Amino acid sequence: MWLGHEYIIALNKTVWDSLSTEDKEAFTRAAESSYSVLGGVMSESFARQVETLRADGADVRLMTDDEVAYWERATDYRNVQAKWIGG
């Protein structure tokens, strides 16, 4: 099971650059508001889902910090994102 807790709203840099300052500020406000509210909700929801899965007999294993770091290096996702953003 993959459960990402970040729901990204992404715009290509060309589209972002074409937005008005007012629209860019609206995106920023929405993101800040969402992060401040949803972070705790998502964490609690995740913990409940894991508990439910285990109670139902599923074998659940969470990645270690080292595994997450390996995944980050192996996928090179930051560079992939940077290329996508660049157009």
PDB file of N, CA and C in Angstrom:
ATOM      1  N   MET A   1       0.849  -1.178   0.000  1.00  0.00           N
ATOM      2  CA  MET A   1       0.000   0.000   0.000  1.00  0.00           C
ATOM      3  C   MET A   1       0.885   1.229   0.000  1.00  0.00           C
ATOM      4  N   TRP A   2       0.622   2.124  -0.867  1.00  0.00           N
ATOM      5  CA  TRP A   2       1.319   3.415  -0.854  1.00  0.00           C
ATOM      6  C   TRP A   2       0.312   4.451  -0.420  1.00  0.00           C
ATOM      7  N   LEU A   3       0.664   5.186   0.602  1.00  0.00           N
ATOM      8  CA  LEU A   3      -0.240   6.219   1.090  1.00  0.00           C
ATOM      9  C   LEU A   3       0.549   7.505   1.213  1.00  0.00           C
ATOM     10  N   GLY A   4       0.500   8.294   0.192  1.00  0.00           N
ATOM     11  CA  GLY A   4       1.164   9.593   0.241  1.00  0.00           C
ATOM     12  C   GLY A   4       0.251  10.600   0.904  1.00  0.00           C
ATOM     13  N   HIS A   5       0.802  11.385   1.765  1.00  0.00           N
ATOM     14  CA  HIS A   5      -0.009  12.353   2.493  1.00  0.00           C
ATOM     15  C   HIS A   5       0.053  13.742   1.900  1.00  0.00           C
ATOM     16  N   GLU A   6       0.771  13.880   0.844  1.00  0.00           N
ATOM     17  CA  GLU A   6       0.821  15.190   0.225  1.00  0.00           C
ATOM     18  C   GLU A   6       0.015  15.153  -1.059  1.00  0.00           C
ATOM     19  N   TYR A   7      -0.926  16.022  -1.130  1.00  0.00           N
ATOM     20  CA  TYR A   7      -1.722  16.142  -2.335  1.00  0.00           C
ATOM     21  C   TYR A   7      -1.262  17.406  -3.043  1.00  0.00           C
ATOM     22  N   ILE A   8      -0.492  17.205  -4.047  1.00  0.00           N
ATOM     23  CA  ILE A   8       0.173  18.312  -4.713  1.00  0.00           C
ATOM     24  C   ILE A   8      -0.714  18.901  -5.802  1.00  0.00           C
ATOM     25  N   ILE A   9      -0.822  20.187  -5.778  1.00  0.00           N
ATOM     26  CA  ILE A   9      -1.409  20.907  -6.898  1.00  0.00           C
ATOM     27  C   ILE A   9      -0.230  21.515  -7.624  1.00  0.00           C
ATOM     28  N   ALA A  10       0.002  21.060  -8.822  1.00  0.00           N
ATOM     29  CA  ALA A  10       1.196  21.481  -9.550  1.00  0.00           C
ATOM     30  C   ALA A  10       0.817  22.149 -10.857  1.00  0.00           C
ATOM     31  N   LEU A  11       1.575  23.163 -11.171  1.00  0.00           N
ATOM     32  CA  LEU A  11       1.407  23.860 -12.431  1.00  0.00           C
ATOM     33  C   LEU A  11       2.763  23.917 -13.118  1.00  0.00           C
ATOM     34  N   ASN A  12       2.742  23.736 -14.402  1.00  0.00           N
ATOM     35  CA  ASN A  12       3.955  23.909 -15.175  1.00  0.00           C
ATOM     36  C   ASN A  12       4.423  25.356 -14.994  1.00  0.00           C
ATOM     37  N   LYS A  13       5.739  25.580 -15.010  1.00  0.00           N
ATOM     38  CA  LYS A  13       6.290  26.922 -14.784  1.00  0.00           C
ATOM     39  C   LYS A  13       5.734  27.935 -15.775  1.00  0.00           C
ATOM     40  N   THR A  14       5.533  27.531 -17.005  1.00  0.00           N
ATOM     41  CA  THR A  14       4.986  28.450 -18.004  1.00  0.00           C
ATOM     42  C   THR A  14       3.590  28.917 -17.587  1.00  0.00           C
ATOM     43  N   VAL A  15       2.779  27.984 -17.104  1.00  0.00           N
ATOM     44  CA  VAL A  15       1.429  28.341 -16.650  1.00  0.00           C
ATOM     45  C   VAL A  15       1.522  29.229 -15.414  1.00  0.00           C
ATOM     46  N   TRP A  16       2.379  28.829 -14.468  1.00  0.00           N
ATOM     47  CA  TRP A  16       2.545  29.625 -13.242  1.00  0.00           C
ATOM     48  C   TRP A  16       2.955  31.052 -13.579  1.00  0.00           C
ATOM     49  N   ASP A  17       3.926  31.179 -14.459  1.00  0.00           N
ATOM     50  CA  ASP A  17       4.404  32.509 -14.838  1.00  0.00           C
ATOM     51  C   ASP A  17       3.328  33.354 -15.507  1.00  0.00           C
ATOM     52  N   SER A  18       2.349  32.701 -16.111  1.00  0.00           N
ATOM     53  CA  SER A  18       1.290  33.442 -16.801  1.00  0.00           C
ATOM     54  C   SER A  18       0.189  33.914 -15.843  1.00  0.00           C
ATOM     55  N   LEU A  19       0.189  33.412 -14.609  1.00  0.00           N
ATOM     56  CA  LEU A  19      -0.847  33.807 -13.655  1.00  0.00           C
ATOM     57  C   LEU A  19      -0.606  35.220 -13.135  1.00  0.00           C
ATOM     58  N   SER A  20      -1.679  35.860 -12.757  1.00  0.00           N
ATOM     59  CA  SER A  20      -1.562  37.186 -12.134  1.00  0.00           C
ATOM     60  C   SER A  20      -0.994  37.023 -10.726  1.00  0.00           C
ATOM     61  N   THR A  21      -0.477  38.093 -10.197  1.00  0.00           N
ATOM     62  CA  THR A  21       0.035  38.082  -8.821  1.00  0.00           C
ATOM     63  C   THR A  21      -1.079  37.682  -7.857  1.00  0.00           C
ATOM     64  N   GLU A  22      -2.269  38.187  -8.108  1.00  0.00           N
ATOM     65  CA  GLU A  22      -3.419  37.859  -7.264  1.00  0.00           C
ATOM     66  C   GLU A  22      -3.691  36.350  -7.260  1.00  0.00           C
ATOM     67  N   ASP A  23      -3.627  35.711  -8.420  1.00  0.00           N
ATOM     68  CA  ASP A  23      -3.863  34.268  -8.505  1.00  0.00           C
ATOM     69  C   ASP A  23      -2.744  33.490  -7.816  1.00  0.00           C
ATOM     70  N   LYS A  24      -1.511  33.914  -7.994  1.00  0.00           N
ATOM     71  CA  LYS A  24      -0.383  33.247  -7.326  1.00  0.00           C
ATOM     72  C   LYS A  24      -0.533  33.335  -5.809  1.00  0.00           C
ATOM     73  N   GLU A  25      -0.927  34.501  -5.327  1.00  0.00           N
ATOM     74  CA  GLU A  25      -1.124  34.677  -3.883  1.00  0.00           C
ATOM     75  C   GLU A  25      -2.275  33.806  -3.381  1.00  0.00           C
ATOM     76  N   ALA A  26      -3.297  33.628  -4.195  1.00  0.00           N
ATOM     77  CA  ALA A  26      -4.426  32.770  -3.812  1.00  0.00           C
ATOM     78  C   ALA A  26      -3.965  31.321  -3.667  1.00  0.00           C
ATOM     79  N   PHE A  27      -3.141  30.845  -4.593  1.00  0.00           N
ATOM     80  CA  PHE A  27      -2.590  29.492  -4.484  1.00  0.00           C
ATOM     81  C   PHE A  27      -1.781  29.355  -3.197  1.00  0.00           C
ATOM     82  N   THR A  28      -0.957  30.337  -2.907  1.00  0.00           N
ATOM     83  CA  THR A  28      -0.115  30.285  -1.715  1.00  0.00           C
ATOM     84  C   THR A  28      -0.961  30.258  -0.446  1.00  0.00           C
ATOM     85  N   ARG A  29      -1.974  31.104  -0.387  1.00  0.00           N
ATOM     86  CA  ARG A  29      -2.862  31.116   0.787  1.00  0.00           C
ATOM     87  C   ARG A  29      -3.579  29.778   0.950  1.00  0.00           C
ATOM     88  N   ALA A  30      -4.062  29.236  -0.143  1.00  0.00           N
ATOM     89  CA  ALA A  30      -4.773  27.948  -0.082  1.00  0.00           C
ATOM     90  C   ALA A  30      -3.848  26.844   0.418  1.00  0.00           C
ATOM     91  N   ALA A  31      -2.622  26.831  -0.072  1.00  0.00           N
ATOM     92  CA  ALA A  31      -1.668  25.807   0.358  1.00  0.00           C
ATOM     93  C   ALA A  31      -1.354  25.944   1.845  1.00  0.00           C
ATOM     94  N   GLU A  32      -1.083  27.148   2.281  1.00  0.00           N
ATOM     95  CA  GLU A  32      -0.766  27.360   3.702  1.00  0.00           C
ATOM     96  C   GLU A  32      -1.932  26.959   4.592  1.00  0.00           C
ATOM     97  N   SER A  33      -3.128  27.294   4.190  1.00  0.00           N
ATOM     98  CA  SER A  33      -4.316  26.937   4.958  1.00  0.00           C
ATOM     99  C   SER A  33      -4.505  25.423   5.006  1.00  0.00           C
ATOM    100  N   SER A  34      -4.357  24.780   3.865  1.00  0.00           N
ATOM    101  CA  SER A  34      -4.527  23.320   3.796  1.00  0.00           C
ATOM    102  C   SER A  34      -3.496  22.597   4.639  1.00  0.00           C
ATOM    103  N   TYR A  35      -2.239  22.992   4.516  1.00  0.00           N
ATOM    104  CA  TYR A  35      -1.177  22.321   5.262  1.00  0.00           C
ATOM    105  C   TYR A  35      -1.395  22.455   6.763  1.00  0.00           C
ATOM    106  N   SER A  36      -1.816  23.641   7.204  1.00  0.00           N
ATOM    107  CA  SER A  36      -1.971  23.839   8.643  1.00  0.00           C
ATOM    108  C   SER A  36      -3.117  23.007   9.208  1.00  0.00           C
ATOM    109  N   VAL A  37      -4.137  22.751   8.414  1.00  0.00           N
ATOM    110  CA  VAL A  37      -5.300  21.993   8.884  1.00  0.00           C
ATOM    111  C   VAL A  37      -5.160  20.501   8.607  1.00  0.00           C
ATOM    112  N   LEU A  38      -4.740  20.147   7.410  1.00  0.00           N
ATOM    113  CA  LEU A  38      -4.787  18.751   6.987  1.00  0.00           C
ATOM    114  C   LEU A  38      -3.647  17.887   7.517  1.00  0.00           C
ATOM    115  N   GLY A  39      -2.538  18.482   7.890  1.00  0.00           N
ATOM    116  CA  GLY A  39      -1.406  17.685   8.367  1.00  0.00           C
ATOM    117  C   GLY A  39      -1.790  16.753   9.506  1.00  0.00           C
ATOM    118  N   GLY A  40      -2.424  17.295  10.524  1.00  0.00           N
ATOM    119  CA  GLY A  40      -2.830  16.482  11.662  1.00  0.00           C
ATOM    120  C   GLY A  40      -3.904  15.474  11.305  1.00  0.00           C
ATOM    121  N   VAL A  41      -4.843  15.892  10.482  1.00  0.00           N
ATOM    122  CA  VAL A  41      -5.924  15.001  10.056  1.00  0.00           C
ATOM    123  C   VAL A  41      -5.349  13.814   9.289  1.00  0.00           C
ATOM    124  N   MET A  42      -4.424  14.091   8.381  1.00  0.00           N
ATOM    125  CA  MET A  42      -3.831  13.023   7.574  1.00  0.00           C
ATOM    126  C   MET A  42      -3.031  12.060   8.449  1.00  0.00           C
ATOM    127  N   SER A  43      -2.278  12.573   9.388  1.00  0.00           N
ATOM    128  CA  SER A  43      -1.493  11.709  10.271  1.00  0.00           C
ATOM    129  C   SER A  43      -2.388  10.811  11.100  1.00  0.00           C
ATOM    130  N   GLU A  44      -3.448  11.377  11.642  1.00  0.00           N
ATOM    131  CA  GLU A  44      -4.390  10.587  12.437  1.00  0.00           C
ATOM    132  C   GLU A  44      -5.076   9.542  11.568  1.00  0.00           C
ATOM    133  N   SER A  45      -5.472   9.928  10.386  1.00  0.00           N
ATOM    134  CA  SER A  45      -6.129   9.011   9.465  1.00  0.00           C
ATOM    135  C   SER A  45      -5.202   7.860   9.105  1.00  0.00           C
ATOM    136  N   PHE A  46      -3.942   8.164   8.847  1.00  0.00           N
ATOM    137  CA  PHE A  46      -2.965   7.135   8.499  1.00  0.00           C
ATOM    138  C   PHE A  46      -2.827   6.130   9.637  1.00  0.00           C
ATOM    139  N   ALA A  47      -2.669   6.627  10.849  1.00  0.00           N
ATOM    140  CA  ALA A  47      -2.518   5.738  12.008  1.00  0.00           C
ATOM    141  C   ALA A  47      -3.740   4.836  12.157  1.00  0.00           C
ATOM    142  N   ARG A  48      -4.926   5.392  11.976  1.00  0.00           N
ATOM    143  CA  ARG A  48      -6.169   4.599  12.076  1.00  0.00           C
ATOM    144  C   ARG A  48      -6.229   3.532  10.989  1.00  0.00           C
ATOM    145  N   GLN A  49      -5.823   3.898   9.770  1.00  0.00           N
ATOM    146  CA  GLN A  49      -5.856   2.937   8.670  1.00  0.00           C
ATOM    147  C   GLN A  49      -4.898   1.774   8.939  1.00  0.00           C
ATOM    148  N   VAL A  50      -3.711   2.090   9.429  1.00  0.00           N
ATOM    149  CA  VAL A  50      -2.741   1.028   9.737  1.00  0.00           C
ATOM    150  C   VAL A  50      -3.288   0.123  10.833  1.00  0.00           C
ATOM    151  N   GLU A  51      -3.862   0.708  11.878  1.00  0.00           N
ATOM    152  CA  GLU A  51      -4.448  -0.084  12.963  1.00  0.00           C
ATOM    153  C   GLU A  51      -5.556  -0.997  12.428  1.00  0.00           C
ATOM    154  N   THR A  52      -6.418  -0.465  11.587  1.00  0.00           N
ATOM    155  CA  THR A  52      -7.532  -1.249  11.026  1.00  0.00           C
ATOM    156  C   THR A  52      -7.005  -2.390  10.164  1.00  0.00           C
ATOM    157  N   LEU A  53      -6.035  -2.090   9.316  1.00  0.00           N
ATOM    158  CA  LEU A  53      -5.452  -3.135   8.469  1.00  0.00           C
ATOM    159  C   LEU A  53      -4.861  -4.263   9.307  1.00  0.00           C
ATOM    160  N   ARG A  54      -4.111  -3.896  10.331  1.00  0.00           N
ATOM    161  CA  ARG A  54      -3.496  -4.917  11.200  1.00  0.00           C
ATOM    162  C   ARG A  54      -4.567  -5.710  11.944  1.00  0.00           C
ATOM    163  N   ALA A  55      -5.595  -5.029  12.432  1.00  0.00           N
ATOM    164  CA  ALA A  55      -6.681  -5.716  13.141  1.00  0.00           C
ATOM    165  C   ALA A  55      -7.414  -6.689  12.219  1.00  0.00           C
ATOM    166  N   ASP A  56      -7.442  -6.374  10.933  1.00  0.00           N
ATOM    167  CA  ASP A  56      -8.092  -7.239   9.950  1.00  0.00           C
ATOM    168  C   ASP A  56      -7.166  -8.335   9.431  1.00  0.00           C
ATOM    169  N   GLY A  57      -5.954  -8.406   9.990  1.00  0.00           N
ATOM    170  CA  GLY A  57      -5.039  -9.484   9.644  1.00  0.00           C
ATOM    171  C   GLY A  57      -4.012  -9.164   8.575  1.00  0.00           C
ATOM    172  N   ALA A  58      -3.959  -7.927   8.113  1.00  0.00           N
ATOM    173  CA  ALA A  58      -2.969  -7.560   7.089  1.00  0.00           C
ATOM    174  C   ALA A  58      -1.587  -7.434   7.708  1.00  0.00           C
ATOM    175  N   ASP A  59      -0.586  -7.795   6.942  1.00  0.00           N
ATOM    176  CA  ASP A  59       0.803  -7.613   7.361  1.00  0.00           C
ATOM    177  C   ASP A  59       1.245  -6.242   6.875  1.00  0.00           C
ATOM    178  N   VAL A  60       1.400  -5.309   7.795  1.00  0.00           N
ATOM    179  CA  VAL A  60       1.747  -3.928   7.447  1.00  0.00           C
ATOM    180  C   VAL A  60       3.161  -3.639   7.928  1.00  0.00           C
ATOM    181  N   ARG A  61       3.978  -3.150   7.019  1.00  0.00           N
ATOM    182  CA  ARG A  61       5.342  -2.760   7.374  1.00  0.00           C
ATOM    183  C   ARG A  61       5.578  -1.356   6.857  1.00  0.00           C
ATOM    184  N   LEU A  62       6.041  -0.497   7.728  1.00  0.00           N
ATOM    185  CA  LEU A  62       6.328   0.874   7.337  1.00  0.00           C
ATOM    186  C   LEU A  62       7.805   0.984   6.959  1.00  0.00           C
ATOM    187  N   MET A  63       8.071   1.813   5.974  1.00  0.00           N
ATOM    188  CA  MET A  63       9.454   1.998   5.544  1.00  0.00           C
ATOM    189  C   MET A  63      10.260   2.686   6.642  1.00  0.00           C
ATOM    190  N   THR A  64      11.510   2.283   6.756  1.00  0.00           N
ATOM    191  CA  THR A  64      12.412   2.941   7.697  1.00  0.00           C
ATOM    192  C   THR A  64      12.905   4.243   7.071  1.00  0.00           C
ATOM    193  N   ASP A  65      13.503   5.088   7.887  1.00  0.00           N
ATOM    194  CA  ASP A  65      14.079   6.328   7.368  1.00  0.00           C
ATOM    195  C   ASP A  65      15.140   6.036   6.312  1.00  0.00           C
ATOM    196  N   ASP A  66      15.936   4.990   6.535  1.00  0.00           N
ATOM    197  CA  ASP A  66      16.969   4.617   5.555  1.00  0.00           C
ATOM    198  C   ASP A  66      16.345   4.184   4.233  1.00  0.00           C
ATOM    199  N   GLU A  67      15.233   3.460   4.295  1.00  0.00           N
ATOM    200  CA  GLU A  67      14.544   3.029   3.072  1.00  0.00           C
ATOM    201  C   GLU A  67      13.962   4.223   2.315  1.00  0.00           C
ATOM    202  N   VAL A  68      13.412   5.154   3.047  1.00  0.00           N
ATOM    203  CA  VAL A  68      12.875   6.349   2.407  1.00  0.00           C
ATOM    204  C   VAL A  68      14.004   7.123   1.725  1.00  0.00           C
ATOM    205  N   ALA A  69      15.136   7.268   2.418  1.00  0.00           N
ATOM    206  CA  ALA A  69      16.282   7.975   1.844  1.00  0.00           C
ATOM    207  C   ALA A  69      16.785   7.260   0.588  1.00  0.00           C
ATOM    208  N   TYR A  70      16.817   5.925   0.622  1.00  0.00           N
ATOM    209  CA  TYR A  70      17.230   5.161  -0.557  1.00  0.00           C
ATOM    210  C   TYR A  70      16.276   5.414  -1.719  1.00  0.00           C
ATOM    211  N   TRP A  71      14.972   5.383  -1.449  1.00  0.00           N
ATOM    212  CA  TRP A  71      13.966   5.624  -2.487  1.00  0.00           C
ATOM    213  C   TRP A  71      14.152   7.013  -3.100  1.00  0.00           C
ATOM    214  N   GLU A  72      14.407   7.996  -2.243  1.00  0.00           N
ATOM    215  CA  GLU A  72      14.620   9.358  -2.748  1.00  0.00           C
ATOM    216  C   GLU A  72      15.810   9.403  -3.706  1.00  0.00           C
ATOM    217  N   ARG A  73      16.904   8.732  -3.333  1.00  0.00           N
ATOM    218  CA  ARG A  73      18.095   8.712  -4.200  1.00  0.00           C
ATOM    219  C   ARG A  73      17.850   7.903  -5.467  1.00  0.00           C
ATOM    220  N   ALA A  74      17.235   6.749  -5.327  1.00  0.00           N
ATOM    221  CA  ALA A  74      17.050   5.836  -6.465  1.00  0.00           C
ATOM    222  C   ALA A  74      16.130   6.427  -7.527  1.00  0.00           C
ATOM    223  N   THR A  75      15.120   7.146  -7.116  1.00  0.00           N
ATOM    224  CA  THR A  75      14.172   7.705  -8.082  1.00  0.00           C
ATOM    225  C   THR A  75      14.606   9.059  -8.611  1.00  0.00           C
ATOM    226  N   ASP A  76      15.513   9.707  -7.896  1.00  0.00           N
ATOM    227  CA  ASP A  76      15.987  11.035  -8.303  1.00  0.00           C
ATOM    228  C   ASP A  76      14.804  11.969  -8.545  1.00  0.00           C
ATOM    229  N   TYR A  77      13.792  11.834  -7.696  1.00  0.00           N
ATOM    230  CA  TYR A  77      12.534  12.535  -7.928  1.00  0.00           C
ATOM    231  C   TYR A  77      12.663  14.051  -7.906  1.00  0.00           C
ATOM    232  N   ARG A  78      13.597  14.587  -7.141  1.00  0.00           N
ATOM    233  CA  ARG A  78      13.733  16.046  -7.102  1.00  0.00           C
ATOM    234  C   ARG A  78      14.161  16.590  -8.465  1.00  0.00           C
ATOM    235  N   ASN A  79      15.093  15.914  -9.117  1.00  0.00           N
ATOM    236  CA  ASN A  79      15.519  16.352 -10.446  1.00  0.00           C
ATOM    237  C   ASN A  79      14.414  16.155 -11.474  1.00  0.00           C
ATOM    238  N   VAL A  80      13.670  15.071 -11.348  1.00  0.00           N
ATOM    239  CA  VAL A  80      12.552  14.832 -12.262  1.00  0.00           C
ATOM    240  C   VAL A  80      11.519  15.954 -12.111  1.00  0.00           C
ATOM    241  N   GLN A  81      11.201  16.310 -10.861  1.00  0.00           N
ATOM    242  CA  GLN A  81      10.256  17.405 -10.630  1.00  0.00           C
ATOM    243  C   GLN A  81      10.794  18.720 -11.194  1.00  0.00           C
ATOM    244  N   ALA A  82      12.071  18.981 -10.963  1.00  0.00           N
ATOM    245  CA  ALA A  82      12.669  20.232 -11.450  1.00  0.00           C
ATOM    246  C   ALA A  82      12.601  20.311 -12.973  1.00  0.00           C
ATOM    247  N   LYS A  83      12.837  19.196 -13.647  1.00  0.00           N
ATOM    248  CA  LYS A  83      12.751  19.186 -15.117  1.00  0.00           C
ATOM    249  C   LYS A  83      11.327  19.444 -15.569  1.00  0.00           C
ATOM    250  N   TRP A  84      10.359  18.823 -14.885  1.00  0.00           N
ATOM    251  CA  TRP A  84       8.962  19.020 -15.261  1.00  0.00           C
ATOM    252  C   TRP A  84       8.565  20.475 -15.055  1.00  0.00           C
ATOM    253  N   ILE A  85       8.963  21.035 -13.936  1.00  0.00           N
ATOM    254  CA  ILE A  85       8.611  22.425 -13.632  1.00  0.00           C
ATOM    255  C   ILE A  85       9.228  23.367 -14.665  1.00  0.00           C
ATOM    256  N   GLY A  86      10.431  23.032 -15.095  1.00  0.00           N
ATOM    257  CA  GLY A  86      11.122  23.882 -16.056  1.00  0.00           C
ATOM    258  C   GLY A  86      10.494  23.914 -17.421  1.00  0.00           C
ATOM    259  N   GLY A  87       9.549  23.067 -17.666  1.00  0.00           N
ATOM    260  CA  GLY A  87       8.854  23.099 -18.950  1.00  0.00           C
ATOM    261  C   GLY A  87       9.252  21.965 -19.785  1.00  0.00           C
TER     262      GLY A  87
END
